[in-house]
């Protein structure tokens, strides 16, 4: 895995915590949302943990794309969170 992509993955999850403090999500929540929406289901059912080590380059690129999109599009983030929670039977 490209170390730059790995760093982006971690940095973006951490940045989003500061971007949306009122949501009270931890960094792993943003990763969950992006991973579930990239993989089309509960990510742990699709790839072993830790997910970032088991994604294809294309999947990792898309996760990073989503995390970047969440920084400027809160509605997308909230919509994707709802999808993720449905995958997990939480709503």
Protein backbone atom coordinates (compact mmCIF):
# COMPACT_ATOMS: atom_id res chain seq x y z
CA UNK A 1 0.00 0.00 0.00
CA UNK A 2 1.15 3.47 -0.84
CA UNK A 3 2.22 5.12 2.42
CA UNK A 4 0.84 8.45 1.24
CA UNK A 5 -2.62 6.91 0.79
CA UNK A 6 -2.40 5.29 4.21
CA UNK A 7 -1.49 8.64 5.75
CA UNK A 8 -4.35 10.36 3.91
CA UNK A 9 -6.77 7.74 5.22
CA UNK A 10 -5.74 8.37 8.82
CA UNK A 11 -5.40 12.14 8.48
CA UNK A 12 -8.83 12.56 6.93
CA UNK A 13 -10.56 10.53 9.64
CA UNK A 14 -8.87 12.65 12.27
CA UNK A 15 -9.61 15.92 10.47
CA UNK A 16 -13.30 15.11 10.24
CA UNK A 17 -13.54 14.84 14.03
CA UNK A 18 -12.51 18.50 14.22
CA UNK A 19 -14.63 19.51 11.22
CA UNK A 20 -17.89 18.28 12.77
CA UNK A 21 -17.57 18.47 16.57
CA UNK A 22 -21.34 18.66 17.05
CA UNK A 23 -21.81 15.21 15.49
CA UNK A 24 -19.74 13.70 18.30
CA UNK A 25 -18.34 11.02 15.99
CA UNK A 26 -14.94 9.51 16.71
CA UNK A 27 -12.46 9.09 13.86
CA UNK A 28 -13.37 5.42 13.48
CA UNK A 29 -16.98 6.45 12.77
CA UNK A 30 -15.90 8.32 9.64
CA UNK A 31 -13.82 5.36 8.52
CA UNK A 32 -16.79 3.03 9.15
CA UNK A 33 -19.11 5.22 7.10
CA UNK A 34 -16.71 5.49 4.16
CA UNK A 35 -15.74 1.82 4.26
CA UNK A 36 -19.32 0.55 4.46
CA UNK A 37 -20.37 2.77 1.57
CA UNK A 38 -17.39 1.74 -0.52
CA UNK A 39 -17.85 -1.98 0.10
CA UNK A 40 -21.66 -2.03 -0.04
CA UNK A 41 -22.20 -3.52 3.40
CA UNK A 42 -20.75 -3.88 6.87
CA UNK A 43 -17.05 -3.66 6.06
CA UNK A 44 -16.05 -6.37 8.57
CA UNK A 45 -18.20 -8.80 6.60
CA UNK A 46 -16.28 -7.91 3.42
CA UNK A 47 -12.61 -7.59 4.44
CA UNK A 48 -10.51 -8.58 7.47
CA UNK A 49 -9.44 -6.03 10.05
CA UNK A 50 -7.71 -3.65 9.79
CA UNK A 51 -9.64 -2.75 6.66
CA UNK A 52 -7.12 -0.30 5.20
CA UNK A 53 -4.58 -3.13 4.87
CA UNK A 54 -6.98 -5.36 2.94
CA UNK A 55 -8.55 -2.97 0.45
CA UNK A 56 -7.67 -2.96 -3.21
CA UNK A 57 -6.02 0.23 -4.46
CA UNK A 58 -9.30 1.20 -6.12
CA UNK A 59 -11.27 0.66 -2.92
CA UNK A 60 -8.79 2.67 -0.88
CA UNK A 61 -8.88 5.46 -3.45
CA UNK A 62 -12.66 5.55 -3.19
CA UNK A 63 -12.61 5.57 0.63
CA UNK A 64 -10.21 8.53 0.50
CA UNK A 65 -12.45 10.23 -2.06
CA UNK A 66 -15.46 9.81 0.24
CA UNK A 67 -13.58 11.07 3.29
CA UNK A 68 -12.51 14.15 1.33
CA UNK A 69 -16.09 14.67 0.14
CA UNK A 70 -17.38 14.51 3.70
CA UNK A 71 -15.19 17.50 4.59
CA UNK A 72 -17.28 19.74 2.33
CA UNK A 73 -20.58 17.89 2.12
CA UNK A 74 -22.13 17.21 5.50
CA UNK A 75 -25.38 16.01 3.94
CA UNK A 76 -23.52 13.29 2.03
CA UNK A 77 -21.85 12.28 5.29
CA UNK A 78 -25.19 12.07 7.08
CA UNK A 79 -26.79 10.16 4.21
CA UNK A 80 -23.90 7.71 4.13
CA UNK A 81 -24.06 7.32 7.90
CA UNK A 82 -27.72 6.33 7.60
CA UNK A 83 -26.84 3.77 4.91
CA UNK A 84 -24.05 2.39 7.09
CA UNK A 85 -26.34 2.11 10.10
CA UNK A 86 -28.92 0.28 7.97
CA UNK A 87 -26.23 -2.20 6.86
CA UNK A 88 -25.60 -2.81 10.55
CA UNK A 89 -29.26 -3.16 11.53
CA UNK A 90 -29.12 -0.06 13.73
CA UNK A 91 -32.00 1.69 11.92
